[in-house]
Amino acid sequence: MLGFTTGMDGSTAKRNQTLGLQVMEAALLGSGHTPKQDFEDVAAFKAYFATKGTILIDATEQRTQRPVDADYQKAIGPPMRYSGKKKRIR
């Protein structure tokens, strides 16, 4: 999809994306603007963000526990709780 949306071969698009992310990380590290990602505990998390303004969280790819039983998956329906691409082998 990355290749399609950028109008280039998929592997080339991925290489360019990886390079761009490396450049961005180096720039953020050099300027001291890297986001904090690890906290010792909840109190450290709260203390860190108490001094910050609005917080945006990208939660588009959160892991979720999916039911194993195919019939149960069908019964619960949306929101998507399982991959619709997986088919049962008969």
N, C-alpha and C. Protein backbone atom coordinates (compact mmCIF):
# COMPACT_ATOMS: atom_id res chain seq x y z
N MET A 1 0.83 -1.18 0.00
CA MET A 1 0.00 0.00 0.00
C MET A 1 0.87 1.25 0.00
N LEU A 2 2.00 1.18 0.74
CA LEU A 2 2.91 2.31 0.78
C LEU A 2 3.44 2.63 -0.62
N GLY A 3 3.82 1.60 -1.37
CA GLY A 3 4.30 1.80 -2.73
C GLY A 3 3.22 2.37 -3.63
N PHE A 4 2.02 1.88 -3.50
CA PHE A 4 0.90 2.34 -4.32
C PHE A 4 0.61 3.82 -4.07
N THR A 5 0.56 4.20 -2.80
CA THR A 5 0.21 5.58 -2.47
C THR A 5 1.32 6.57 -2.81
N THR A 6 2.57 6.08 -2.88
CA THR A 6 3.67 6.98 -3.21
C THR A 6 4.06 6.91 -4.68
N GLY A 7 3.46 5.99 -5.43
CA GLY A 7 3.74 5.88 -6.85
C GLY A 7 5.09 5.25 -7.16
N MET A 8 5.58 4.40 -6.26
CA MET A 8 6.85 3.72 -6.51
C MET A 8 6.75 2.27 -6.10
N ASP A 9 7.76 1.51 -6.46
CA ASP A 9 7.81 0.10 -6.09
C ASP A 9 7.71 -0.03 -4.57
N GLY A 10 7.04 -1.07 -4.09
CA GLY A 10 6.83 -1.25 -2.66
C GLY A 10 8.12 -1.33 -1.86
N SER A 11 9.11 -2.08 -2.36
CA SER A 11 10.36 -2.21 -1.62
C SER A 11 11.12 -0.89 -1.59
N THR A 12 11.07 -0.12 -2.67
CA THR A 12 11.71 1.19 -2.71
C THR A 12 11.03 2.14 -1.73
N ALA A 13 9.71 2.11 -1.69
CA ALA A 13 8.96 2.96 -0.77
C ALA A 13 9.31 2.61 0.68
N LYS A 14 9.43 1.33 0.97
CA LYS A 14 9.77 0.90 2.34
C LYS A 14 11.18 1.35 2.71
N ARG A 15 12.13 1.20 1.79
CA ARG A 15 13.50 1.65 2.06
C ARG A 15 13.53 3.16 2.32
N ASN A 16 12.79 3.92 1.52
CA ASN A 16 12.74 5.36 1.71
C ASN A 16 12.07 5.74 3.03
N GLN A 17 11.04 4.99 3.41
CA GLN A 17 10.38 5.24 4.69
C GLN A 17 11.34 4.98 5.84
N THR A 18 12.05 3.87 5.77
CA THR A 18 13.01 3.52 6.82
C THR A 18 14.10 4.58 6.93
N LEU A 19 14.62 5.01 5.79
CA LEU A 19 15.64 6.06 5.79
C LEU A 19 15.09 7.35 6.38
N GLY A 20 13.88 7.73 5.99
CA GLY A 20 13.26 8.94 6.51
C GLY A 20 13.08 8.88 8.02
N LEU A 21 12.68 7.72 8.52
CA LEU A 21 12.50 7.57 9.97
C LEU A 21 13.84 7.66 10.70
N GLN A 22 14.90 7.12 10.10
CA GLN A 22 16.24 7.20 10.70
C GLN A 22 16.71 8.65 10.75
N VAL A 23 16.48 9.40 9.67
CA VAL A 23 16.86 10.81 9.63
C VAL A 23 16.08 11.60 10.68
N MET A 24 14.77 11.33 10.77
CA MET A 24 13.93 12.04 11.74
C MET A 24 14.38 11.71 13.18
N GLU A 25 14.68 10.45 13.45
CA GLU A 25 15.13 10.07 14.79
C GLU A 25 16.44 10.76 15.14
N ALA A 26 17.39 10.80 14.18
CA ALA A 26 18.67 11.46 14.42
C ALA A 26 18.47 12.95 14.68
N ALA A 27 17.57 13.59 13.93
CA ALA A 27 17.30 15.01 14.11
C ALA A 27 16.67 15.28 15.47
N LEU A 28 15.73 14.42 15.89
CA LEU A 28 15.08 14.59 17.19
C LEU A 28 16.07 14.35 18.32
N LEU A 29 16.93 13.34 18.17
CA LEU A 29 17.95 13.08 19.19
C LEU A 29 18.92 14.25 19.30
N GLY A 30 19.36 14.76 18.15
CA GLY A 30 20.32 15.86 18.14
C GLY A 30 19.77 17.13 18.76
N SER A 31 18.48 17.36 18.62
CA SER A 31 17.88 18.59 19.15
C SER A 31 17.28 18.39 20.54
N GLY A 32 17.34 17.16 21.04
CA GLY A 32 16.80 16.90 22.39
C GLY A 32 15.29 16.84 22.44
N HIS A 33 14.65 16.49 21.33
CA HIS A 33 13.19 16.46 21.28
C HIS A 33 12.61 15.05 21.10
N THR A 34 13.35 14.05 21.47
CA THR A 34 12.81 12.69 21.34
C THR A 34 11.73 12.48 22.40
N PRO A 35 10.65 11.83 22.03
CA PRO A 35 9.59 11.57 23.02
C PRO A 35 10.02 10.52 24.03
N LYS A 36 9.63 10.71 25.26
CA LYS A 36 9.93 9.72 26.31
C LYS A 36 9.00 8.54 26.12
N GLN A 37 9.58 7.33 26.16
CA GLN A 37 8.78 6.14 25.90
C GLN A 37 8.74 5.15 27.06
N ASP A 38 9.68 5.24 27.98
CA ASP A 38 9.75 4.28 29.07
C ASP A 38 9.61 4.99 30.42
N PHE A 39 8.77 4.43 31.27
CA PHE A 39 8.54 4.98 32.60
C PHE A 39 8.67 3.85 33.61
N GLU A 40 9.21 4.18 34.78
CA GLU A 40 9.40 3.19 35.83
C GLU A 40 8.06 2.68 36.36
N ASP A 41 7.10 3.59 36.53
CA ASP A 41 5.80 3.22 37.07
C ASP A 41 4.78 4.29 36.68
N VAL A 42 3.56 4.12 37.13
CA VAL A 42 2.47 5.04 36.81
C VAL A 42 2.75 6.43 37.40
N ALA A 43 3.34 6.46 38.58
CA ALA A 43 3.63 7.75 39.21
C ALA A 43 4.63 8.55 38.38
N ALA A 44 5.64 7.90 37.83
CA ALA A 44 6.62 8.58 36.98
C ALA A 44 5.95 9.08 35.70
N PHE A 45 5.04 8.29 35.16
CA PHE A 45 4.29 8.70 33.97
C PHE A 45 3.48 9.96 34.25
N LYS A 46 2.74 9.94 35.37
CA LYS A 46 1.90 11.08 35.73
C LYS A 46 2.75 12.32 36.01
N ALA A 47 3.88 12.15 36.67
CA ALA A 47 4.75 13.29 36.98
C ALA A 47 5.31 13.89 35.69
N TYR A 48 5.69 13.07 34.75
CA TYR A 48 6.25 13.55 33.49
C TYR A 48 5.21 14.35 32.71
N PHE A 49 4.00 13.83 32.61
CA PHE A 49 2.98 14.48 31.80
C PHE A 49 2.22 15.59 32.54
N ALA A 50 2.45 15.76 33.82
CA ALA A 50 1.80 16.84 34.57
C ALA A 50 2.23 18.20 34.06
N THR A 51 3.44 18.26 33.49
CA THR A 51 3.97 19.54 33.00
C THR A 51 3.72 19.74 31.51
N LYS A 52 3.11 18.77 30.86
CA LYS A 52 2.88 18.85 29.41
C LYS A 52 1.48 19.40 29.13
N GLY A 53 1.29 19.85 27.91
CA GLY A 53 -0.03 20.35 27.50
C GLY A 53 -0.89 19.19 27.01
N THR A 54 -1.55 19.39 25.89
CA THR A 54 -2.40 18.37 25.30
C THR A 54 -1.57 17.17 24.86
N ILE A 55 -2.06 15.99 25.12
CA ILE A 55 -1.35 14.76 24.75
C ILE A 55 -2.14 14.05 23.66
N LEU A 56 -1.46 13.73 22.57
CA LEU A 56 -2.07 12.96 21.48
C LEU A 56 -1.50 11.56 21.50
N ILE A 57 -2.36 10.57 21.45
CA ILE A 57 -1.92 9.18 21.47
C ILE A 57 -2.41 8.50 20.19
N ASP A 58 -1.47 7.92 19.45
CA ASP A 58 -1.82 7.16 18.26
C ASP A 58 -2.10 5.73 18.69
N ALA A 59 -3.34 5.36 18.70
CA ALA A 59 -3.73 4.04 19.18
C ALA A 59 -4.36 3.22 18.07
N THR A 60 -3.93 3.43 16.85
CA THR A 60 -4.57 2.76 15.72
C THR A 60 -4.19 1.29 15.62
N GLU A 61 -3.11 0.88 16.26
CA GLU A 61 -2.68 -0.52 16.13
C GLU A 61 -2.52 -1.18 17.49
N GLN A 62 -3.51 -1.02 18.33
CA GLN A 62 -3.44 -1.65 19.64
C GLN A 62 -3.70 -3.14 19.51
N ARG A 63 -2.93 -3.91 20.24
CA ARG A 63 -3.16 -5.35 20.25
C ARG A 63 -4.44 -5.65 21.02
N THR A 64 -5.09 -6.69 20.61
CA THR A 64 -6.31 -7.10 21.30
C THR A 64 -6.39 -8.62 21.35
N GLN A 65 -6.97 -9.14 22.40
CA GLN A 65 -7.14 -10.58 22.52
C GLN A 65 -8.33 -10.97 21.65
N ARG A 66 -8.11 -11.90 20.75
CA ARG A 66 -9.18 -12.32 19.84
C ARG A 66 -9.70 -13.69 20.25
N PRO A 67 -10.98 -13.90 20.13
CA PRO A 67 -11.55 -15.21 20.44
C PRO A 67 -11.01 -16.26 19.47
N VAL A 68 -10.77 -17.45 19.96
CA VAL A 68 -10.26 -18.54 19.13
C VAL A 68 -11.41 -19.23 18.39
N ASP A 69 -12.55 -19.31 19.03
CA ASP A 69 -13.70 -20.01 18.46
C ASP A 69 -14.30 -19.22 17.30
N ALA A 70 -14.31 -19.81 16.10
CA ALA A 70 -14.80 -19.13 14.89
C ALA A 70 -16.28 -18.77 15.00
N ASP A 71 -17.10 -19.67 15.57
CA ASP A 71 -18.53 -19.38 15.71
C ASP A 71 -18.76 -18.19 16.64
N TYR A 72 -17.98 -18.12 17.71
CA TYR A 72 -18.09 -16.99 18.64
C TYR A 72 -17.67 -15.69 17.95
N GLN A 73 -16.62 -15.76 17.13
CA GLN A 73 -16.17 -14.58 16.39
C GLN A 73 -17.28 -14.04 15.50
N LYS A 74 -17.98 -14.94 14.82
CA LYS A 74 -19.08 -14.52 13.96
C LYS A 74 -20.22 -13.90 14.78
N ALA A 75 -20.46 -14.47 15.94
CA ALA A 75 -21.57 -14.02 16.78
C ALA A 75 -21.34 -12.62 17.33
N ILE A 76 -20.10 -12.28 17.68
CA ILE A 76 -19.86 -10.97 18.29
C ILE A 76 -19.85 -9.86 17.25
N GLY A 77 -19.49 -10.19 16.02
CA GLY A 77 -19.53 -9.20 14.93
C GLY A 77 -18.72 -7.95 15.20
N PRO A 78 -19.10 -6.82 14.55
CA PRO A 78 -18.36 -5.56 14.72
C PRO A 78 -18.46 -5.07 16.15
N PRO A 79 -17.54 -4.27 16.67
CA PRO A 79 -16.34 -3.82 15.97
C PRO A 79 -15.39 -4.97 15.70
N MET A 80 -14.55 -4.79 14.69
CA MET A 80 -13.66 -5.86 14.25
C MET A 80 -12.83 -6.39 15.42
N ARG A 81 -13.07 -7.61 15.77
CA ARG A 81 -12.31 -8.22 16.86
C ARG A 81 -11.50 -9.39 16.34
N TYR A 82 -11.60 -9.66 15.06
CA TYR A 82 -10.82 -10.72 14.46
C TYR A 82 -10.58 -10.37 13.00
N SER A 83 -9.58 -11.00 12.42
CA SER A 83 -9.27 -10.73 11.03
C SER A 83 -10.29 -11.42 10.13
N GLY A 84 -10.91 -10.66 9.26
CA GLY A 84 -11.86 -11.22 8.32
C GLY A 84 -11.18 -11.95 7.18
N LYS A 85 -9.86 -11.85 7.09
CA LYS A 85 -9.12 -12.50 6.01
C LYS A 85 -8.85 -13.97 6.29
N LYS A 86 -8.91 -14.37 7.54
CA LYS A 86 -8.61 -15.75 7.87
C LYS A 86 -9.85 -16.61 7.60
N LYS A 87 -9.66 -17.67 6.88
CA LYS A 87 -10.77 -18.57 6.56
C LYS A 87 -10.55 -19.91 7.24
N ARG A 88 -11.64 -20.52 7.62
CA ARG A 88 -11.55 -21.84 8.23
C ARG A 88 -11.27 -22.86 7.15
N ILE A 89 -10.37 -23.77 7.45
CA ILE A 89 -10.07 -24.87 6.52
C ILE A 89 -11.05 -26.00 6.81
N ARG A 90 -11.71 -26.46 5.75
CA ARG A 90 -12.69 -27.53 5.94
C ARG A 90 -12.16 -28.84 5.43
